[in-house]
Amino acid sequence: MNGLSLSELCCLFCCPPCPGRIAAKLAFLPPEPTYAFLPDTEAEPPAAAAMTTTTAPAAGAAVPPPAAAAAAAAAGATGTSSLRARSGASVAGSGAAAASTEGRWKLHLTERAEFQYSQRELDTTEVFLTRSSRGNQVGCMYIRCVPNARFTVLFSHGNAVDLGQMSSFYIGLGTRINCNIFSYDYSGYGASTGKPSEKNLYADIDAAWHALRSRYGISPENIILYGQSIGTVPTVDLASRYECAAVVLHSPLTSGMRVAFPDTKKTYCFDAFPNIEKVSKITSPVLIIHGTEDEVIDFSHGLALFERCPKAVEPLWVEGAGHNDIELYSQYLERLRRFIGQELAVPHA
């Protein structure tokens, strides 16, 4: 019966777990912060903060996966580097629950962030805090990878990483796919306050979406929502409520119960992260990417979402790829470039 034993079914229906408890067990492993936002007493006035052009990495090079940064975090290196916020950005130190969202700040990276670029690339990055509808401060990062880029990618990252660890990946990805990158940390991750939860995930991406639109004046038709792993949960939720240029789901999950109990066919009322029930409501083009040997979220999740999604485009099934190494395969960048550079140039119905 749905792949669950009689004892498991009895336990589920007699004492069903709440979605928050499922979410906490399956998803949230916030790392020790790899960055902090420090007050910048020497910040330039916003009008003087000119945008710097970045030097793009070699076009054919693979993007280093963020999993490498997560491994570096475990090593516990202690060196640092700093970046002045390039706008009137308002940012708090990591973990500072009472920090103000007003003022100018600079981004302070530790070596655990494994930043692979120079100050020139850092100078294209803006950092600030916004506040979610649930009262948490959400750390945000905007990287101008490409001058006059048509699209900005709103990137919801995977588990066990934060903005500091992802920053190098974002610069490499953005310059290769000709997009700017906007990202944020979930509640309880990095500089974001509060605790990780499913409800906070949805509130966090809402806050990021509205900040991207209001602060930078970017229209929905120029925003690509990109979710990786657990990041596909807020991405699908937002995309089911707002139309945008496109959606990318990288190693997505169908629901929390289906990860915990792989043979589950039905979405129970106590399930968490029910992407499978929301993906059919997305009205924008959806590109699904999944490795056939994913050891964390089985390949079947990607297939199931593709079959359920009416706006799905040609997917990318990466033969032999796992959960954390898809970015190392040449097909990854090739498919993203074709999707963004060619397919999105054609108006969709």
C-alpha atoms as a PDB file:
ATOM      1  CA  MET A   1       0.000   0.000   0.000  1.00  0.00           C
ATOM      2  CA  ASN A   2       1.873   3.045  -1.325  1.00  0.00           C
ATOM      3  CA  GLY A   3       5.085   1.201  -0.499  1.00  0.00           C
ATOM      4  CA  LEU A   4       4.623   1.598   3.279  1.00  0.00           C
ATOM      5  CA  SER A   5       4.403  -1.304   5.713  1.00  0.00           C
ATOM      6  CA  LEU A   6       1.307  -1.814   7.870  1.00  0.00           C
ATOM      7  CA  SER A   7       3.147  -0.685  10.991  1.00  0.00           C
ATOM      8  CA  GLU A   8       4.410   2.450   9.232  1.00  0.00           C
ATOM      9  CA  LEU A   9       0.917   3.308   8.023  1.00  0.00           C
ATOM     10  CA  CYS A  10      -0.525   2.806  11.508  1.00  0.00           C
ATOM     11  CA  CYS A  11       2.128   5.034  12.966  1.00  0.00           C
ATOM     12  CA  LEU A  12       1.559   7.722  10.317  1.00  0.00           C
ATOM     13  CA  PHE A  13      -2.209   7.873  10.720  1.00  0.00           C
ATOM     14  CA  CYS A  14      -2.324   7.469  14.511  1.00  0.00           C
ATOM     15  CA  CYS A  15       0.512   9.898  15.242  1.00  0.00           C
ATOM     16  CA  PRO A  16       1.161  11.851  12.039  1.00  0.00           C
ATOM     17  CA  PRO A  17       4.235  14.060  12.114  1.00  0.00           C
ATOM     18  CA  CYS A  18       3.747  17.760  11.498  1.00  0.00           C
ATOM     19  CA  PRO A  19       5.212  19.103   8.242  1.00  0.00           C
ATOM     20  CA  GLY A  20       7.692  21.221  10.168  1.00  0.00           C
ATOM     21  CA  ARG A  21       9.119  18.160  11.893  1.00  0.00           C
ATOM     22  CA  ILE A  22       9.476  16.313   8.586  1.00  0.00           C
ATOM     23  CA  ALA A  23      11.161  19.378   7.105  1.00  0.00           C
ATOM     24  CA  ALA A  24      13.578  19.733   9.991  1.00  0.00           C
ATOM     25  CA  LYS A  25      14.651  16.100   9.788  1.00  0.00           C
ATOM     26  CA  LEU A  26      15.024  15.990   6.017  1.00  0.00           C
ATOM     27  CA  ALA A  27      16.395  19.322   5.008  1.00  0.00           C
ATOM     28  CA  PHE A  28      18.006  21.862   7.257  1.00  0.00           C
ATOM     29  CA  LEU A  29      21.720  21.724   8.010  1.00  0.00           C
ATOM     30  CA  PRO A  30      22.840  25.361   8.200  1.00  0.00           C
ATOM     31  CA  PRO A  31      26.657  25.537   8.189  1.00  0.00           C
ATOM     32  CA  GLU A  32      28.748  27.659  10.468  1.00  0.00           C
ATOM     33  CA  PRO A  33      28.589  31.061   8.709  1.00  0.00           C
ATOM     34  CA  THR A  34      31.406  31.658   6.231  1.00  0.00           C
ATOM     35  CA  TYR A  35      30.840  35.402   6.109  1.00  0.00           C
ATOM     36  CA  ALA A  36      29.612  38.374   8.101  1.00  0.00           C
ATOM     37  CA  PHE A  37      28.237  41.815   7.229  1.00  0.00           C
ATOM     38  CA  LEU A  38      30.249  44.523   8.962  1.00  0.00           C
ATOM     39  CA  PRO A  39      29.512  48.273   9.293  1.00  0.00           C
ATOM     40  CA  ASP A  40      31.303  50.222   6.566  1.00  0.00           C
ATOM     41  CA  THR A  41      32.352  53.606   7.869  1.00  0.00           C
ATOM     42  CA  GLU A  42      34.169  54.461   4.632  1.00  0.00           C
ATOM     43  CA  ALA A  43      31.374  53.632   2.205  1.00  0.00           C
ATOM     44  CA  GLU A  44      30.996  55.792  -0.873  1.00  0.00           C
ATOM     45  CA  PRO A  45      27.700  57.601  -1.482  1.00  0.00           C
ATOM     46  CA  PRO A  46      25.405  55.467  -3.659  1.00  0.00           C
ATOM     47  CA  ALA A  47      25.816  57.851  -6.620  1.00  0.00           C
ATOM     48  CA  ALA A  48      29.579  57.307  -6.598  1.00  0.00           C
ATOM     49  CA  ALA A  49      29.350  53.514  -6.642  1.00  0.00           C
ATOM     50  CA  ALA A  50      30.056  52.784 -10.294  1.00  0.00           C
ATOM     51  CA  MET A  51      29.521  49.291 -11.652  1.00  0.00           C
ATOM     52  CA  THR A  52      32.700  47.414 -12.503  1.00  0.00           C
ATOM     53  CA  THR A  53      32.929  45.095 -15.478  1.00  0.00           C
ATOM     54  CA  THR A  54      34.021  41.581 -14.620  1.00  0.00           C
ATOM     55  CA  THR A  55      36.416  39.400 -16.543  1.00  0.00           C
ATOM     56  CA  ALA A  56      34.463  36.344 -17.608  1.00  0.00           C
ATOM     57  CA  PRO A  57      36.018  32.907 -17.087  1.00  0.00           C
ATOM     58  CA  ALA A  58      36.737  30.771 -20.139  1.00  0.00           C
ATOM     59  CA  ALA A  59      33.477  30.061 -21.929  1.00  0.00           C
ATOM     60  CA  GLY A  60      33.911  26.304 -22.067  1.00  0.00           C
ATOM     61  CA  ALA A  61      35.087  25.801 -18.501  1.00  0.00           C
ATOM     62  CA  ALA A  62      32.972  23.826 -16.058  1.00  0.00           C
ATOM     63  CA  VAL A  63      31.457  25.675 -13.117  1.00  0.00           C
ATOM     64  CA  PRO A  64      32.982  24.466  -9.829  1.00  0.00           C
ATOM     65  CA  PRO A  65      30.129  22.904  -7.839  1.00  0.00           C
ATOM     66  CA  PRO A  66      29.146  24.559  -4.535  1.00  0.00           C
ATOM     67  CA  ALA A  67      29.643  21.181  -2.847  1.00  0.00           C
ATOM     68  CA  ALA A  68      33.377  21.906  -2.966  1.00  0.00           C
ATOM     69  CA  ALA A  69      32.785  24.979  -0.865  1.00  0.00           C
ATOM     70  CA  ALA A  70      30.790  22.952   1.630  1.00  0.00           C
ATOM     71  CA  ALA A  71      33.720  20.563   1.994  1.00  0.00           C
ATOM     72  CA  ALA A  72      36.023  23.498   2.596  1.00  0.00           C
ATOM     73  CA  ALA A  73      33.737  24.717   5.353  1.00  0.00           C
ATOM     74  CA  ALA A  74      34.298  21.486   7.237  1.00  0.00           C
ATOM     75  CA  ALA A  75      38.042  22.095   7.130  1.00  0.00           C
ATOM     76  CA  GLY A  76      37.674  25.179   9.311  1.00  0.00           C
ATOM     77  CA  ALA A  77      40.110  27.616   7.677  1.00  0.00           C
ATOM     78  CA  THR A  78      40.308  31.014   9.371  1.00  0.00           C
ATOM     79  CA  GLY A  79      41.620  33.599   6.867  1.00  0.00           C
ATOM     80  CA  THR A  80      39.425  36.488   5.711  1.00  0.00           C
ATOM     81  CA  SER A  81      38.828  39.016   2.960  1.00  0.00           C
ATOM     82  CA  SER A  82      36.484  41.986   2.786  1.00  0.00           C
ATOM     83  CA  LEU A  83      34.228  43.677   0.284  1.00  0.00           C
ATOM     84  CA  ARG A  84      32.623  47.078   0.628  1.00  0.00           C
ATOM     85  CA  ALA A  85      28.937  47.089  -0.252  1.00  0.00           C
ATOM     86  CA  ARG A  86      28.602  48.964  -3.541  1.00  0.00           C
ATOM     87  CA  SER A  87      25.268  50.579  -2.762  1.00  0.00           C
ATOM     88  CA  GLY A  88      23.472  52.011   0.234  1.00  0.00           C
ATOM     89  CA  ALA A  89      23.125  48.396   1.243  1.00  0.00           C
ATOM     90  CA  SER A  90      21.861  47.535   4.666  1.00  0.00           C
ATOM     91  CA  VAL A  91      23.366  44.384   6.144  1.00  0.00           C
ATOM     92  CA  ALA A  92      23.907  42.840   9.562  1.00  0.00           C
ATOM     93  CA  GLY A  93      26.579  40.678  11.063  1.00  0.00           C
ATOM     94  CA  SER A  94      25.816  36.973  10.849  1.00  0.00           C
ATOM     95  CA  GLY A  95      23.604  35.741  13.654  1.00  0.00           C
ATOM     96  CA  ALA A  96      22.870  39.236  15.012  1.00  0.00           C
ATOM     97  CA  ALA A  97      19.145  39.011  15.691  1.00  0.00           C
ATOM     98  CA  ALA A  98      18.747  42.647  16.685  1.00  0.00           C
ATOM     99  CA  ALA A  99      20.790  44.128  13.834  1.00  0.00           C
ATOM    100  CA  SER A 100      19.374  47.109  11.983  1.00  0.00           C
ATOM    101  CA  THR A 101      18.504  46.955   8.290  1.00  0.00           C
ATOM    102  CA  GLU A 102      19.632  50.558   7.788  1.00  0.00           C
ATOM    103  CA  GLY A 103      23.134  51.751   6.950  1.00  0.00           C
ATOM    104  CA  ARG A 104      26.080  50.821   4.733  1.00  0.00           C
ATOM    105  CA  TRP A 105      28.016  47.650   5.280  1.00  0.00           C
ATOM    106  CA  LYS A 106      30.721  45.488   3.791  1.00  0.00           C
ATOM    107  CA  LEU A 107      30.883  41.764   3.207  1.00  0.00           C
ATOM    108  CA  HIS A 108      33.533  39.950   5.233  1.00  0.00           C
ATOM    109  CA  LEU A 109      34.445  36.502   3.828  1.00  0.00           C
ATOM    110  CA  THR A 110      36.453  33.860   5.638  1.00  0.00           C
ATOM    111  CA  GLU A 111      38.716  31.438   3.795  1.00  0.00           C
ATOM    112  CA  ARG A 112      36.094  28.804   4.471  1.00  0.00           C
ATOM    113  CA  ALA A 113      34.094  30.541   1.746  1.00  0.00           C
ATOM    114  CA  GLU A 114      36.804  29.486  -0.766  1.00  0.00           C
ATOM    115  CA  PHE A 115      36.430  32.635  -2.865  1.00  0.00           C
ATOM    116  CA  GLN A 116      38.204  32.042  -6.175  1.00  0.00           C
ATOM    117  CA  TYR A 117      38.175  35.494  -7.747  1.00  0.00           C
ATOM    118  CA  SER A 118      39.778  38.909  -7.215  1.00  0.00           C
ATOM    119  CA  GLN A 119      38.636  42.137  -5.602  1.00  0.00           C
ATOM    120  CA  ARG A 120      37.538  43.264  -9.055  1.00  0.00           C
ATOM    121  CA  GLU A 121      34.832  40.607  -9.120  1.00  0.00           C
ATOM    122  CA  LEU A 122      33.919  41.277  -5.508  1.00  0.00           C
ATOM    123  CA  ASP A 123      33.360  44.926  -6.347  1.00  0.00           C
ATOM    124  CA  THR A 124      30.405  43.970  -8.544  1.00  0.00           C
ATOM    125  CA  THR A 125      28.630  42.489  -5.517  1.00  0.00           C
ATOM    126  CA  GLU A 126      26.046  44.272  -3.389  1.00  0.00           C
ATOM    127  CA  VAL A 127      24.802  42.980  -0.050  1.00  0.00           C
ATOM    128  CA  PHE A 128      21.890  44.000   2.140  1.00  0.00           C
ATOM    129  CA  LEU A 129      19.186  42.756   4.491  1.00  0.00           C
ATOM    130  CA  THR A 130      15.493  42.728   3.894  1.00  0.00           C
ATOM    131  CA  ARG A 131      12.761  41.598   6.276  1.00  0.00           C
ATOM    132  CA  SER A 132      10.367  38.727   5.654  1.00  0.00           C
ATOM    133  CA  SER A 133       6.647  38.676   6.447  1.00  0.00           C
ATOM    134  CA  ARG A 134       7.489  36.414   9.401  1.00  0.00           C
ATOM    135  CA  GLY A 135       9.778  39.027  10.934  1.00  0.00           C
ATOM    136  CA  ASN A 136      13.163  37.504  10.053  1.00  0.00           C
ATOM    137  CA  GLN A 137      16.001  39.453   8.487  1.00  0.00           C
ATOM    138  CA  VAL A 138      17.033  37.860   5.202  1.00  0.00           C
ATOM    139  CA  GLY A 139      20.598  38.315   3.959  1.00  0.00           C
ATOM    140  CA  CYS A 140      20.704  39.081   0.226  1.00  0.00           C
ATOM    141  CA  MET A 141      23.467  39.252  -2.378  1.00  0.00           C
ATOM    142  CA  TYR A 142      23.265  40.792  -5.856  1.00  0.00           C
ATOM    143  CA  ILE A 143      26.128  40.120  -8.290  1.00  0.00           C
ATOM    144  CA  ARG A 144      26.340  42.103 -11.530  1.00  0.00           C
ATOM    145  CA  CYS A 145      28.173  39.434 -13.495  1.00  0.00           C
ATOM    146  CA  VAL A 146      27.459  40.891 -16.928  1.00  0.00           C
ATOM    147  CA  PRO A 147      26.865  44.542 -17.909  1.00  0.00           C
ATOM    148  CA  ASN A 148      23.394  45.099 -19.371  1.00  0.00           C
ATOM    149  CA  ALA A 149      22.348  41.488 -18.825  1.00  0.00           C
ATOM    150  CA  ARG A 150      18.798  40.777 -19.963  1.00  0.00           C
ATOM    151  CA  PHE A 151      18.050  38.288 -17.181  1.00  0.00           C
ATOM    152  CA  THR A 152      18.696  38.117 -13.460  1.00  0.00           C
ATOM    153  CA  VAL A 153      18.671  34.677 -11.850  1.00  0.00           C
ATOM    154  CA  LEU A 154      17.017  34.503  -8.423  1.00  0.00           C
ATOM    155  CA  PHE A 155      18.964  31.556  -7.046  1.00  0.00           C
ATOM    156  CA  SER A 156      17.762  29.455  -4.083  1.00  0.00           C
ATOM    157  CA  HIS A 157      20.770  27.373  -3.039  1.00  0.00           C
ATOM    158  CA  GLY A 158      20.992  23.870  -1.639  1.00  0.00           C
ATOM    159  CA  ASN A 159      21.455  22.653   1.891  1.00  0.00           C
ATOM    160  CA  ALA A 160      24.534  23.021   4.126  1.00  0.00           C
ATOM    161  CA  VAL A 161      25.883  26.083   2.271  1.00  0.00           C
ATOM    162  CA  ASP A 162      25.488  29.844   2.631  1.00  0.00           C
ATOM    163  CA  LEU A 163      26.074  32.942   0.503  1.00  0.00           C
ATOM    164  CA  GLY A 164      29.762  33.048   1.366  1.00  0.00           C
ATOM    165  CA  GLN A 165      30.347  29.548   0.044  1.00  0.00           C
ATOM    166  CA  MET A 166      28.166  30.126  -3.011  1.00  0.00           C
ATOM    167  CA  SER A 167      29.624  33.482  -4.098  1.00  0.00           C
ATOM    168  CA  SER A 168      32.366  32.052  -6.324  1.00  0.00           C
ATOM    169  CA  PHE A 169      29.925  29.665  -7.967  1.00  0.00           C
ATOM    170  CA  TYR A 170      27.501  32.522  -8.628  1.00  0.00           C
ATOM    171  CA  ILE A 171      30.167  34.643 -10.347  1.00  0.00           C
ATOM    172  CA  GLY A 172      31.305  31.701 -12.472  1.00  0.00           C
ATOM    173  CA  LEU A 173      27.766  30.719 -13.407  1.00  0.00           C
ATOM    174  CA  GLY A 174      26.544  34.229 -14.167  1.00  0.00           C
ATOM    175  CA  THR A 175      29.433  35.113 -16.453  1.00  0.00           C
ATOM    176  CA  ARG A 176      29.023  31.837 -18.368  1.00  0.00           C
ATOM    177  CA  ILE A 177      25.260  32.084 -18.931  1.00  0.00           C
ATOM    178  CA  ASN A 178      25.262  35.874 -19.421  1.00  0.00           C
ATOM    179  CA  CYS A 179      23.034  36.639 -16.427  1.00  0.00           C
ATOM    180  CA  ASN A 180      23.272  38.594 -13.204  1.00  0.00           C
ATOM    181  CA  ILE A 181      22.720  36.609 -10.003  1.00  0.00           C
ATOM    182  CA  PHE A 182      20.593  37.492  -6.983  1.00  0.00           C
ATOM    183  CA  SER A 183      20.572  35.131  -4.010  1.00  0.00           C
ATOM    184  CA  TYR A 184      19.613  35.036  -0.361  1.00  0.00           C
ATOM    185  CA  ASP A 185      20.149  32.932   2.738  1.00  0.00           C
ATOM    186  CA  TYR A 186      17.327  31.019   4.374  1.00  0.00           C
ATOM    187  CA  SER A 187      16.299  31.886   7.931  1.00  0.00           C
ATOM    188  CA  GLY A 188      18.986  30.548  10.266  1.00  0.00           C
ATOM    189  CA  TYR A 189      21.623  30.436   7.490  1.00  0.00           C
ATOM    190  CA  GLY A 190      24.498  32.901   7.217  1.00  0.00           C
ATOM    191  CA  ALA A 191      23.409  36.433   8.104  1.00  0.00           C
ATOM    192  CA  SER A 192      19.687  35.600   8.085  1.00  0.00           C
ATOM    193  CA  THR A 193      17.989  35.504  11.466  1.00  0.00           C
ATOM    194  CA  GLY A 194      15.367  33.092  12.775  1.00  0.00           C
ATOM    195  CA  LYS A 195      15.218  29.327  12.458  1.00  0.00           C
ATOM    196  CA  PRO A 196      14.963  27.176   9.334  1.00  0.00           C
ATOM    197  CA  SER A 197      11.437  25.951   8.617  1.00  0.00           C
ATOM    198  CA  GLU A 198       9.189  25.279   5.659  1.00  0.00           C
ATOM    199  CA  LYS A 199       7.073  28.361   6.348  1.00  0.00           C
ATOM    200  CA  ASN A 200      10.176  30.507   6.638  1.00  0.00           C
ATOM    201  CA  LEU A 201      11.448  29.176   3.294  1.00  0.00           C
ATOM    202  CA  TYR A 202       8.369  30.551   1.568  1.00  0.00           C
ATOM    203  CA  ALA A 203       8.534  33.860   3.426  1.00  0.00           C
ATOM    204  CA  ASP A 204      12.269  34.190   2.706  1.00  0.00           C
ATOM    205  CA  ILE A 205      11.925  33.826  -1.067  1.00  0.00           C
ATOM    206  CA  ASP A 206       8.948  36.187  -1.059  1.00  0.00           C
ATOM    207  CA  ALA A 207      11.104  38.801   0.656  1.00  0.00           C
ATOM    208  CA  ALA A 208      13.938  38.215  -1.824  1.00  0.00           C
ATOM    209  CA  TRP A 209      11.571  38.441  -4.811  1.00  0.00           C
ATOM    210  CA  HIS A 210      10.078  41.742  -3.652  1.00  0.00           C
ATOM    211  CA  ALA A 211      13.515  43.152  -2.793  1.00  0.00           C
ATOM    212  CA  LEU A 212      14.842  42.250  -6.247  1.00  0.00           C
ATOM    213  CA  ARG A 213      11.877  43.904  -7.919  1.00  0.00           C
ATOM    214  CA  SER A 214      11.669  47.038  -5.775  1.00  0.00           C
ATOM    215  CA  ARG A 215      15.345  47.703  -5.088  1.00  0.00           C
ATOM    216  CA  TYR A 216      16.660  47.091  -8.599  1.00  0.00           C
ATOM    217  CA  GLY A 217      13.509  47.671 -10.644  1.00  0.00           C
ATOM    218  CA  ILE A 218      13.715  44.287 -12.357  1.00  0.00           C
ATOM    219  CA  SER A 219      10.497  43.133 -14.000  1.00  0.00           C
ATOM    220  CA  PRO A 220       9.190  39.557 -13.621  1.00  0.00           C
ATOM    221  CA  GLU A 221       9.733  38.901 -17.336  1.00  0.00           C
ATOM    222  CA  ASN A 222      13.464  39.417 -16.734  1.00  0.00           C
ATOM    223  CA  ILE A 223      13.730  37.128 -13.682  1.00  0.00           C
ATOM    224  CA  ILE A 224      14.663  33.445 -13.894  1.00  0.00           C
ATOM    225  CA  LEU A 225      13.881  31.456 -10.744  1.00  0.00           C
ATOM    226  CA  TYR A 226      16.540  28.817 -10.084  1.00  0.00           C
ATOM    227  CA  GLY A 227      16.276  26.288  -7.266  1.00  0.00           C
ATOM    228  CA  GLN A 228      18.795  23.613  -6.356  1.00  0.00           C
ATOM    229  CA  SER A 229      17.895  20.641  -4.145  1.00  0.00           C
ATOM    230  CA  ILE A 230      16.039  22.025  -1.103  1.00  0.00           C
ATOM    231  CA  GLY A 231      16.058  25.352  -2.953  1.00  0.00           C
ATOM    232  CA  THR A 232      13.538  23.914  -5.421  1.00  0.00           C
ATOM    233  CA  VAL A 233      10.947  24.047  -2.614  1.00  0.00           C
ATOM    234  CA  PRO A 234      10.699  27.851  -2.297  1.00  0.00           C
ATOM    235  CA  THR A 235      11.307  28.175  -6.041  1.00  0.00           C
ATOM    236  CA  VAL A 236       8.331  26.007  -6.999  1.00  0.00           C
ATOM    237  CA  ASP A 237       6.142  27.705  -4.406  1.00  0.00           C
ATOM    238  CA  LEU A 238       6.962  31.199  -5.711  1.00  0.00           C
ATOM    239  CA  ALA A 239       6.701  30.158  -9.368  1.00  0.00           C
ATOM    240  CA  SER A 240       3.256  28.669  -8.704  1.00  0.00           C
ATOM    241  CA  ARG A 241       2.093  32.117  -7.549  1.00  0.00           C
ATOM    242  CA  TYR A 242       3.986  34.541  -9.816  1.00  0.00           C
ATOM    243  CA  GLU A 243       4.781  34.453 -13.513  1.00  0.00           C
ATOM    244  CA  CYS A 244       8.425  35.023 -14.435  1.00  0.00           C
ATOM    245  CA  ALA A 245      10.743  34.567 -17.416  1.00  0.00           C
ATOM    246  CA  ALA A 246      11.517  30.935 -16.609  1.00  0.00           C
ATOM    247  CA  VAL A 247      12.169  28.380 -13.882  1.00  0.00           C
ATOM    248  CA  VAL A 248      15.118  26.009 -13.444  1.00  0.00           C
ATOM    249  CA  LEU A 249      14.754  23.057 -11.060  1.00  0.00           C
ATOM    250  CA  HIS A 250      18.136  21.465 -10.319  1.00  0.00           C
ATOM    251  CA  SER A 251      17.999  18.078  -8.533  1.00  0.00           C
ATOM    252  CA  PRO A 252      14.430  18.716  -7.338  1.00  0.00           C
ATOM    253  CA  LEU A 253      12.362  16.729  -4.857  1.00  0.00           C
ATOM    254  CA  THR A 254       8.683  15.857  -5.211  1.00  0.00           C
ATOM    255  CA  SER A 255       7.906  15.996  -1.468  1.00  0.00           C
ATOM    256  CA  GLY A 256       9.442  15.292   1.915  1.00  0.00           C
ATOM    257  CA  MET A 257       7.556  12.042   2.431  1.00  0.00           C
ATOM    258  CA  ARG A 258       8.647  10.751  -0.944  1.00  0.00           C
ATOM    259  CA  VAL A 259      12.275  11.351   0.005  1.00  0.00           C
ATOM    260  CA  ALA A 260      11.863   9.592   3.362  1.00  0.00           C
ATOM    261  CA  PHE A 261       9.660   6.804   1.955  1.00  0.00           C
ATOM    262  CA  PRO A 262      10.632   6.407  -1.737  1.00  0.00           C
ATOM    263  CA  ASP A 263       7.607   4.306  -2.692  1.00  0.00           C
ATOM    264  CA  THR A 264       5.062   6.838  -1.435  1.00  0.00           C
ATOM    265  CA  LYS A 265       2.551   7.665  -4.179  1.00  0.00           C
ATOM    266  CA  LYS A 266       0.093   9.923  -2.352  1.00  0.00           C
ATOM    267  CA  THR A 267       0.618  13.362  -0.831  1.00  0.00           C
ATOM    268  CA  TYR A 268      -0.567  13.187   2.770  1.00  0.00           C
ATOM    269  CA  CYS A 269      -1.904  16.205   4.652  1.00  0.00           C
ATOM    270  CA  PHE A 270       1.165  16.144   6.911  1.00  0.00           C
ATOM    271  CA  ASP A 271       3.687  15.986   4.071  1.00  0.00           C
ATOM    272  CA  ALA A 272       6.308  18.727   3.761  1.00  0.00           C
ATOM    273  CA  PHE A 273       7.686  20.398   0.627  1.00  0.00           C
ATOM    274  CA  PRO A 274       4.855  19.230  -1.698  1.00  0.00           C
ATOM    275  CA  ASN A 275       6.457  20.339  -4.988  1.00  0.00           C
ATOM    276  CA  ILE A 276       4.544  17.629  -6.809  1.00  0.00           C
ATOM    277  CA  GLU A 277       1.236  19.331  -5.971  1.00  0.00           C
ATOM    278  CA  LYS A 278       2.387  22.824  -6.986  1.00  0.00           C
ATOM    279  CA  VAL A 279       4.444  22.307 -10.148  1.00  0.00           C
ATOM    280  CA  SER A 280       1.329  22.012 -12.334  1.00  0.00           C
ATOM    281  CA  LYS A 281       0.391  25.589 -11.366  1.00  0.00           C
ATOM    282  CA  ILE A 282       3.570  27.099 -12.843  1.00  0.00           C
ATOM    283  CA  THR A 283       2.811  29.163 -15.943  1.00  0.00           C
ATOM    284  CA  SER A 284       6.430  29.908 -16.959  1.00  0.00           C
ATOM    285  CA  PRO A 285       8.760  27.599 -18.931  1.00  0.00           C
ATOM    286  CA  VAL A 286      10.391  25.041 -16.607  1.00  0.00           C
ATOM    287  CA  LEU A 287      13.754  23.361 -17.200  1.00  0.00           C
ATOM    288  CA  ILE A 288      14.339  20.323 -14.969  1.00  0.00           C
ATOM    289  CA  ILE A 289      17.900  19.066 -14.439  1.00  0.00           C
ATOM    290  CA  HIS A 290      18.684  15.822 -12.600  1.00  0.00           C
ATOM    291  CA  GLY A 291      21.521  13.322 -12.338  1.00  0.00           C
ATOM    292  CA  THR A 292      20.635   9.718 -13.070  1.00  0.00           C
ATOM    293  CA  GLU A 293      22.765   8.500 -10.149  1.00  0.00           C
ATOM    294  CA  ASP A 294      21.579  11.035  -7.558  1.00  0.00           C
ATOM    295  CA  GLU A 295      22.230   9.446  -4.169  1.00  0.00           C
ATOM    296  CA  VAL A 296      20.305  12.060  -2.130  1.00  0.00           C
ATOM    297  CA  ILE A 297      17.142  12.774  -4.142  1.00  0.00           C
ATOM    298  CA  ASP A 298      16.460   9.900  -6.503  1.00  0.00           C
ATOM    299  CA  PHE A 299      16.282  10.548 -10.227  1.00  0.00           C
ATOM    300  CA  SER A 300      12.638   9.449 -10.131  1.00  0.00           C
ATOM    301  CA  HIS A 301      11.750  12.761  -8.447  1.00  0.00           C
ATOM    302  CA  GLY A 302      12.917  14.718 -11.476  1.00  0.00           C
ATOM    303  CA  LEU A 303      11.022  12.405 -13.798  1.00  0.00           C
ATOM    304  CA  ALA A 304       7.815  12.692 -11.773  1.00  0.00           C
ATOM    305  CA  LEU A 305       7.953  16.488 -11.745  1.00  0.00           C
ATOM    306  CA  PHE A 306       8.649  16.588 -15.479  1.00  0.00           C
ATOM    307  CA  GLU A 307       5.594  14.430 -16.142  1.00  0.00           C
ATOM    308  CA  ARG A 308       3.402  16.571 -13.889  1.00  0.00           C
ATOM    309  CA  CYS A 309       4.557  19.966 -15.204  1.00  0.00           C
ATOM    310  CA  PRO A 310       2.616  21.240 -18.250  1.00  0.00           C
ATOM    311  CA  LYS A 311       5.162  24.001 -18.946  1.00  0.00           C
ATOM    312  CA  ALA A 312       8.226  21.748 -18.862  1.00  0.00           C
ATOM    313  CA  VAL A 313      10.719  22.137 -21.694  1.00  0.00           C
ATOM    314  CA  GLU A 314      13.230  19.528 -22.853  1.00  0.00           C
ATOM    315  CA  PRO A 315      14.836  18.319 -19.575  1.00  0.00           C
ATOM    316  CA  LEU A 316      18.474  17.567 -18.892  1.00  0.00           C
ATOM    317  CA  TRP A 317      19.075  14.096 -17.490  1.00  0.00           C
ATOM    318  CA  VAL A 318      22.796  13.908 -16.770  1.00  0.00           C
ATOM    319  CA  GLU A 319      23.907  10.308 -17.177  1.00  0.00           C
ATOM    320  CA  GLY A 320      26.072   9.169 -14.266  1.00  0.00           C
ATOM    321  CA  ALA A 321      25.822  12.434 -12.312  1.00  0.00           C
ATOM    322  CA  GLY A 322      25.068  12.462  -8.592  1.00  0.00           C
ATOM    323  CA  HIS A 323      23.518  15.102  -6.376  1.00  0.00           C
ATOM    324  CA  ASN A 324      26.460  17.481  -6.060  1.00  0.00           C
ATOM    325  CA  ASP A 325      28.444  17.207  -9.280  1.00  0.00           C
ATOM    326  CA  ILE A 326      26.082  18.029 -12.161  1.00  0.00           C
ATOM    327  CA  GLU A 327      27.886  21.356 -12.673  1.00  0.00           C
ATOM    328  CA  LEU A 328      31.045  19.493 -13.679  1.00  0.00           C
ATOM    329  CA  TYR A 329      29.396  17.954 -16.747  1.00  0.00           C
ATOM    330  CA  SER A 330      29.619  19.944 -19.988  1.00  0.00           C
ATOM    331  CA  GLN A 331      25.939  19.308 -20.743  1.00  0.00           C
ATOM    332  CA  TYR A 332      24.986  21.467 -17.756  1.00  0.00           C
ATOM    333  CA  LEU A 333      26.243  24.775 -19.159  1.00  0.00           C
ATOM    334  CA  GLU A 334      25.345  23.810 -22.713  1.00  0.00           C
ATOM    335  CA  ARG A 335      21.701  23.200 -21.787  1.00  0.00           C
ATOM    336  CA  LEU A 336      21.440  26.360 -19.672  1.00  0.00           C
ATOM    337  CA  ARG A 337      22.948  28.494 -22.445  1.00  0.00           C
ATOM    338  CA  ARG A 338      20.569  27.076 -25.031  1.00  0.00           C
ATOM    339  CA  PHE A 339      17.576  27.502 -22.739  1.00  0.00           C
ATOM    340  CA  ILE A 340      18.376  31.095 -21.771  1.00  0.00           C
ATOM    341  CA  GLY A 341      20.051  32.328 -24.933  1.00  0.00           C
ATOM    342  CA  GLN A 342      17.827  30.684 -27.542  1.00  0.00           C
ATOM    343  CA  GLU A 343      14.607  29.182 -26.196  1.00  0.00           C
ATOM    344  CA  LEU A 344      13.660  32.149 -24.001  1.00  0.00           C
ATOM    345  CA  ALA A 345      14.220  34.479 -26.978  1.00  0.00           C
ATOM    346  CA  VAL A 346      11.093  32.943 -28.530  1.00  0.00           C
ATOM    347  CA  PRO A 347       7.867  34.240 -26.913  1.00  0.00           C
ATOM    348  CA  HIS A 348       6.021  31.476 -25.086  1.00  0.00           C
ATOM    349  CA  ALA A 349       2.282  31.035 -24.917  1.00  0.00           C
END
